[in-house]
C-alpha cells in the first residue's frame, strides 16, 4: 500500500543565482522537518561507510576468513 505523505519544505537559505557564460544557475536549499537525520549526519555516515570499504585487510581478518 502506497502512503502519500506530504510535508512543507523549510527553506534553509535564500536562493541565489550564478551566471556562467550563457547559463544561469539558481541554487536553493530546503529541509525536511520530519527527517530523522540531518544532511550532515547522512553525509558523514556515507563517508564512514566508504572509508570502511577502503581499509586494507588486517591479518586478523584474513585469519578469521580461513
PDB file of N, CA and C in Angstrom:
ATOM      1  N   UNK A   1       0.834  -1.162   0.000  1.00  0.00           N
ATOM      2  CA  UNK A   1       0.000   0.000   0.000  1.00  0.00           C
ATOM      3  C   UNK A   1       0.894   1.247   0.000  1.00  0.00           C
ATOM      4  N   UNK A   2       0.672   2.140  -0.898  1.00  0.00           N
ATOM      5  CA  UNK A   2       1.444   3.367  -1.007  1.00  0.00           C
ATOM      6  C   UNK A   2       0.808   4.436  -0.131  1.00  0.00           C
ATOM      7  N   UNK A   3       1.616   5.002   0.735  1.00  0.00           N
ATOM      8  CA  UNK A   3       1.121   6.050   1.621  1.00  0.00           C
ATOM      9  C   UNK A   3       1.605   7.387   1.089  1.00  0.00           C
ATOM     10  N   UNK A   4       0.692   8.287   0.879  1.00  0.00           N
ATOM     11  CA  UNK A   4       1.041   9.605   0.377  1.00  0.00           C
ATOM     12  C   UNK A   4       1.314  10.522   1.562  1.00  0.00           C
ATOM     13  N   UNK A   5       2.585  10.829   1.776  1.00  0.00           N
ATOM     14  CA  UNK A   5       2.955  11.717   2.868  1.00  0.00           C
ATOM     15  C   UNK A   5       3.371  13.056   2.268  1.00  0.00           C
ATOM     16  N   UNK A   6       2.839  14.086   2.803  1.00  0.00           N
ATOM     17  CA  UNK A   6       3.233  15.407   2.351  1.00  0.00           C
ATOM     18  C   UNK A   6       3.779  16.190   3.532  1.00  0.00           C
ATOM     19  N   UNK A   7       4.682  17.086   3.248  1.00  0.00           N
ATOM     20  CA  UNK A   7       5.213  17.964   4.265  1.00  0.00           C
ATOM     21  C   UNK A   7       5.557  19.286   3.604  1.00  0.00           C
ATOM     22  N   UNK A   8       5.674  20.272   4.406  1.00  0.00           N
ATOM     23  CA  UNK A   8       6.020  21.581   3.889  1.00  0.00           C
ATOM     24  C   UNK A   8       7.524  21.768   4.041  1.00  0.00           C
ATOM     25  N   UNK A   9       8.219  21.921   2.926  1.00  0.00           N
ATOM     26  CA  UNK A   9       9.663  22.107   2.956  1.00  0.00           C
ATOM     27  C   UNK A   9       9.998  23.462   3.567  1.00  0.00           C
ATOM     28  N   UNK A  10      11.063  23.480   4.343  1.00  0.00           N
ATOM     29  CA  UNK A  10      11.504  24.695   5.003  1.00  0.00           C
ATOM     30  C   UNK A  10      12.752  25.212   4.294  1.00  0.00           C
ATOM     31  N   UNK A  11      12.726  26.445   3.791  1.00  0.00           N
ATOM     32  CA  UNK A  11      13.931  26.980   3.142  1.00  0.00           C
ATOM     33  C   UNK A  11      15.071  27.102   4.158  1.00  0.00           C
ATOM     34  N   UNK A  12      16.265  26.607   3.792  1.00  0.00           N
ATOM     35  CA  UNK A  12      17.416  26.683   4.687  1.00  0.00           C
ATOM     36  C   UNK A  12      18.189  27.979   4.497  1.00  0.00           C
ATOM     37  N   UNK A  13      18.163  28.507   3.292  1.00  0.00           N
ATOM     38  CA  UNK A  13      18.872  29.756   2.981  1.00  0.00           C
ATOM     39  C   UNK A  13      18.194  30.378   1.771  1.00  0.00           C
ATOM     40  N   UNK A  14      18.360  31.670   1.600  1.00  0.00           N
ATOM     41  CA  UNK A  14      17.769  32.292   0.413  1.00  0.00           C
ATOM     42  C   UNK A  14      18.427  31.765  -0.863  1.00  0.00           C
ATOM     43  N   UNK A  15      17.648  31.654  -1.913  1.00  0.00           N
ATOM     44  CA  UNK A  15      18.183  31.189  -3.192  1.00  0.00           C
ATOM     45  C   UNK A  15      19.130  32.248  -3.761  1.00  0.00           C
ATOM     46  N   UNK A  16      20.111  31.792  -4.532  1.00  0.00           N
ATOM     47  CA  UNK A  16      20.991  32.741  -5.192  1.00  0.00           C
ATOM     48  C   UNK A  16      21.240  32.289  -6.624  1.00  0.00           C
ATOM     49  N   UNK A  17      21.640  33.231  -7.454  1.00  0.00           N
ATOM     50  CA  UNK A  17      21.895  32.954  -8.863  1.00  0.00           C
ATOM     51  C   UNK A  17      23.371  33.146  -9.162  1.00  0.00           C
ATOM     52  N   UNK A  18      23.866  32.321 -10.063  1.00  0.00           N
ATOM     53  CA  UNK A  18      25.237  32.420 -10.527  1.00  0.00           C
ATOM     54  C   UNK A  18      25.219  32.239 -12.036  1.00  0.00           C
ATOM     55  N   UNK A  19      25.845  33.153 -12.746  1.00  0.00           N
ATOM     56  CA  UNK A  19      25.832  33.081 -14.200  1.00  0.00           C
ATOM     57  C   UNK A  19      27.220  32.685 -14.701  1.00  0.00           C
ATOM     58  N   UNK A  20      27.257  31.693 -15.585  1.00  0.00           N
ATOM     59  CA  UNK A  20      28.493  31.236 -16.215  1.00  0.00           C
ATOM     60  C   UNK A  20      28.263  31.242 -17.715  1.00  0.00           C
ATOM     61  N   UNK A  21      28.828  32.224 -18.380  1.00  0.00           N
ATOM     62  CA  UNK A  21      28.595  32.337 -19.815  1.00  0.00           C
ATOM     63  C   UNK A  21      27.130  32.634 -20.079  1.00  0.00           C
ATOM     64  N   UNK A  22      26.505  31.799 -20.908  1.00  0.00           N
ATOM     65  CA  UNK A  22      25.092  31.978 -21.251  1.00  0.00           C
ATOM     66  C   UNK A  22      24.158  31.209 -20.317  1.00  0.00           C
ATOM     67  N   UNK A  23      24.729  30.498 -19.345  1.00  0.00           N
ATOM     68  CA  UNK A  23      23.926  29.661 -18.443  1.00  0.00           C
ATOM     69  C   UNK A  23      23.809  30.332 -17.081  1.00  0.00           C
ATOM     70  N   UNK A  24      22.582  30.407 -16.571  1.00  0.00           N
ATOM     71  CA  UNK A  24      22.341  30.943 -15.234  1.00  0.00           C
ATOM     72  C   UNK A  24      21.871  29.807 -14.334  1.00  0.00           C
ATOM     73  N   UNK A  25      22.569  29.610 -13.223  1.00  0.00           N
ATOM     74  CA  UNK A  25      22.212  28.595 -12.232  1.00  0.00           C
ATOM     75  C   UNK A  25      21.501  29.279 -11.082  1.00  0.00           C
ATOM     76  N   UNK A  26      20.405  28.697 -10.652  1.00  0.00           N
ATOM     77  CA  UNK A  26      19.730  29.182  -9.457  1.00  0.00           C
ATOM     78  C   UNK A  26      19.800  28.071  -8.426  1.00  0.00           C
ATOM     79  N   UNK A  27      20.424  28.376  -7.306  1.00  0.00           N
ATOM     80  CA  UNK A  27      20.651  27.378  -6.263  1.00  0.00           C
ATOM     81  C   UNK A  27      19.753  27.681  -5.074  1.00  0.00           C
ATOM     82  N   UNK A  28      19.037  26.670  -4.620  1.00  0.00           N
ATOM     83  CA  UNK A  28      18.193  26.817  -3.443  1.00  0.00           C
ATOM     84  C   UNK A  28      18.327  25.566  -2.580  1.00  0.00           C
ATOM     85  N   UNK A  29      18.004  25.698  -1.316  1.00  0.00           N
ATOM     86  CA  UNK A  29      18.093  24.544  -0.416  1.00  0.00           C
ATOM     87  C   UNK A  29      16.894  24.533   0.514  1.00  0.00           C
ATOM     88  N   UNK A  30      16.384  23.330   0.729  1.00  0.00           N
ATOM     89  CA  UNK A  30      15.215  23.150   1.591  1.00  0.00           C
ATOM     90  C   UNK A  30      15.477  21.994   2.542  1.00  0.00           C
ATOM     91  N   UNK A  31      14.870  22.051   3.711  1.00  0.00           N
ATOM     92  CA  UNK A  31      14.991  20.990   4.695  1.00  0.00           C
ATOM     93  C   UNK A  31      13.665  20.290   4.905  1.00  0.00           C
ATOM     94  N   UNK A  32      13.736  19.063   5.378  1.00  0.00           N
ATOM     95  CA  UNK A  32      12.548  18.281   5.690  1.00  0.00           C
ATOM     96  C   UNK A  32      12.398  18.254   7.209  1.00  0.00           C
ATOM     97  N   UNK A  33      11.403  18.935   7.753  1.00  0.00           N
ATOM     98  CA  UNK A  33      11.256  18.981   9.207  1.00  0.00           C
ATOM     99  C   UNK A  33      10.911  17.625   9.829  1.00  0.00           C
ATOM    100  N   UNK A  34      10.510  16.649   9.033  1.00  0.00           N
ATOM    101  CA  UNK A  34      10.169  15.329   9.560  1.00  0.00           C
ATOM    102  C   UNK A  34      11.323  14.340   9.438  1.00  0.00           C
ATOM    103  N   UNK A  35      12.481  14.786   8.976  1.00  0.00           N
ATOM    104  CA  UNK A  35      13.626  13.894   8.777  1.00  0.00           C
ATOM    105  C   UNK A  35      14.177  13.422  10.116  1.00  0.00           C
ATOM    106  N   UNK A  36      14.706  12.198  10.121  1.00  0.00           N
ATOM    107  CA  UNK A  36      15.298  11.640  11.331  1.00  0.00           C
ATOM    108  C   UNK A  36      16.763  12.034  11.482  1.00  0.00           C
ATOM    109  N   UNK A  37      17.434  12.340  10.358  1.00  0.00           N
ATOM    110  CA  UNK A  37      18.857  12.671  10.378  1.00  0.00           C
ATOM    111  C   UNK A  37      19.087  13.943   9.577  1.00  0.00           C
ATOM    112  N   UNK A  38      20.064  14.708  10.006  1.00  0.00           N
ATOM    113  CA  UNK A  38      20.392  15.930   9.274  1.00  0.00           C
ATOM    114  C   UNK A  38      21.218  15.562   8.035  1.00  0.00           C
ATOM    115  N   UNK A  39      21.337  16.499   7.112  1.00  0.00           N
ATOM    116  CA  UNK A  39      22.144  16.272   5.910  1.00  0.00           C
ATOM    117  C   UNK A  39      23.590  15.971   6.290  1.00  0.00           C
ATOM    118  N   UNK A  40      24.109  16.671   7.298  1.00  0.00           N
ATOM    119  CA  UNK A  40      25.481  16.449   7.742  1.00  0.00           C
ATOM    120  C   UNK A  40      25.668  15.025   8.265  1.00  0.00           C
ATOM    121  N   UNK A  41      24.701  14.528   9.013  1.00  0.00           N
ATOM    122  CA  UNK A  41      24.790  13.160   9.549  1.00  0.00           C
ATOM    123  C   UNK A  41      24.758  12.130   8.419  1.00  0.00           C
ATOM    124  N   UNK A  42      23.924  12.354   7.412  1.00  0.00           N
ATOM    125  CA  UNK A  42      23.850  11.421   6.285  1.00  0.00           C
ATOM    126  C   UNK A  42      25.148  11.404   5.493  1.00  0.00           C
ATOM    127  N   UNK A  43      25.722  12.580   5.244  1.00  0.00           N
ATOM    128  CA  UNK A  43      26.989  12.655   4.508  1.00  0.00           C
ATOM    129  C   UNK A  43      28.093  11.980   5.306  1.00  0.00           C
ATOM    130  N   UNK A  44      28.150  12.227   6.604  1.00  0.00           N
ATOM    131  CA  UNK A  44      29.174  11.613   7.444  1.00  0.00           C
ATOM    132  C   UNK A  44      29.050  10.092   7.441  1.00  0.00           C
ATOM    133  N   UNK A  45      27.836   9.565   7.523  1.00  0.00           N
ATOM    134  CA  UNK A  45      27.665   8.104   7.522  1.00  0.00           C
ATOM    135  C   UNK A  45      28.076   7.507   6.176  1.00  0.00           C
ATOM    136  N   UNK A  46      27.810   8.223   5.068  1.00  0.00           N
ATOM    137  CA  UNK A  46      28.243   7.728   3.756  1.00  0.00           C
ATOM    138  C   UNK A  46      29.771   7.716   3.668  1.00  0.00           C
ATOM    139  N   UNK A  47      30.430   8.757   4.180  1.00  0.00           N
ATOM    140  CA  UNK A  47      31.895   8.802   4.164  1.00  0.00           C
ATOM    141  C   UNK A  47      32.497   7.711   5.043  1.00  0.00           C
ATOM    142  N   UNK A  48      31.896   7.478   6.209  1.00  0.00           N
ATOM    143  CA  UNK A  48      32.382   6.407   7.099  1.00  0.00           C
ATOM    144  C   UNK A  48      32.265   5.049   6.421  1.00  0.00           C
ATOM    145  N   UNK A  49      31.152   4.805   5.737  1.00  0.00           N
ATOM    146  CA  UNK A  49      30.961   3.537   5.045  1.00  0.00           C
ATOM    147  C   UNK A  49      32.014   3.349   3.958  1.00  0.00           C
ATOM    148  N   UNK A  50      32.266   4.408   3.171  1.00  0.00           N
ATOM    149  CA  UNK A  50      33.282   4.343   2.120  1.00  0.00           C
ATOM    150  C   UNK A  50      34.665   4.085   2.711  1.00  0.00           C
ATOM    151  N   UNK A  51      34.976   4.733   3.839  1.00  0.00           N
ATOM    152  CA  UNK A  51      36.273   4.546   4.481  1.00  0.00           C
ATOM    153  C   UNK A  51      36.441   3.111   4.958  1.00  0.00           C
ATOM    154  N   UNK A  52      35.380   2.527   5.492  1.00  0.00           N
ATOM    155  CA  UNK A  52      35.446   1.137   5.958  1.00  0.00           C
ATOM    156  C   UNK A  52      35.659   0.178   4.786  1.00  0.00           C
ATOM    157  N   UNK A  53      35.056   0.480   3.640  1.00  0.00           N
ATOM    158  CA  UNK A  53      35.219  -0.368   2.452  1.00  0.00           C
ATOM    159  C   UNK A  53      36.641  -0.283   1.910  1.00  0.00           C
ATOM    160  N   UNK A  54      37.305   0.853   2.072  1.00  0.00           N
ATOM    161  CA  UNK A  54      38.636   1.084   1.507  1.00  0.00           C
ATOM    162  C   UNK A  54      39.763   0.577   2.403  1.00  0.00           C
ATOM    163  N   UNK A  55      39.462   0.246   3.662  1.00  0.00           N
ATOM    164  CA  UNK A  55      40.512  -0.193   4.579  1.00  0.00           C
ATOM    165  C   UNK A  55      41.102  -1.516   4.107  1.00  0.00           C
ATOM    166  N   UNK A  56      42.456  -1.623   4.123  1.00  0.00           N
ATOM    167  CA  UNK A  56      43.073  -2.904   3.742  1.00  0.00           C
ATOM    168  C   UNK A  56      42.784  -3.967   4.792  1.00  0.00           C
ATOM    169  N   UNK A  57      42.785  -5.208   4.363  1.00  0.00           N
ATOM    170  CA  UNK A  57      42.516  -6.304   5.299  1.00  0.00           C
ATOM    171  C   UNK A  57      43.691  -6.467   6.251  1.00  0.00           C
ATOM    172  N   UNK A  58      43.376  -6.643   7.518  1.00  0.00           N
ATOM    173  CA  UNK A  58      44.404  -6.870   8.529  1.00  0.00           C
ATOM    174  C   UNK A  58      44.626  -8.369   8.665  1.00  0.00           C
ATOM    175  N   UNK A  59      45.753  -8.792   9.212  1.00  0.00           N
ATOM    176  CA  UNK A  59      45.993 -10.239   9.408  1.00  0.00           C
ATOM    177  C   UNK A  59      44.877 -10.920  10.207  1.00  0.00           C
ATOM    178  N   UNK A  60      44.281 -10.223  11.186  1.00  0.00           N
ATOM    179  CA  UNK A  60      43.189 -10.809  11.965  1.00  0.00           C
ATOM    180  C   UNK A  60      41.999 -11.169  11.076  1.00  0.00           C
ATOM    181  N   UNK A  61      41.657 -10.275  10.153  1.00  0.00           N
ATOM    182  CA  UNK A  61      40.513 -10.524   9.261  1.00  0.00           C
ATOM    183  C   UNK A  61      40.820 -11.677   8.319  1.00  0.00           C
ATOM    184  N   UNK A  62      42.058 -11.767   7.855  1.00  0.00           N
ATOM    185  CA  UNK A  62      42.434 -12.863   6.939  1.00  0.00           C
ATOM    186  C   UNK A  62      42.365 -14.194   7.664  1.00  0.00           C
ATOM    187  N   UNK A  63      42.851 -14.244   8.914  1.00  0.00           N
ATOM    188  CA  UNK A  63      42.834 -15.469   9.701  1.00  0.00           C
ATOM    189  C   UNK A  63      41.400 -15.918   9.972  1.00  0.00           C
ATOM    190  N   UNK A  64      40.529 -14.989  10.305  1.00  0.00           N
ATOM    191  CA  UNK A  64      39.146 -15.322  10.622  1.00  0.00           C
ATOM    192  C   UNK A  64      38.416 -15.844   9.381  1.00  0.00           C
ATOM    193  N   UNK A  65      38.781 -15.371   8.212  1.00  0.00           N
ATOM    194  CA  UNK A  65      38.115 -15.795   6.981  1.00  0.00           C
ATOM    195  C   UNK A  65      38.496 -17.217   6.590  1.00  0.00           C
ATOM    196  N   UNK A  66      39.655 -17.675   7.043  1.00  0.00           N
ATOM    197  CA  UNK A  66      40.136 -19.024   6.656  1.00  0.00           C
ATOM    198  C   UNK A  66      39.431 -20.121   7.392  1.00  0.00           C
TER     199      UNK A  66
END
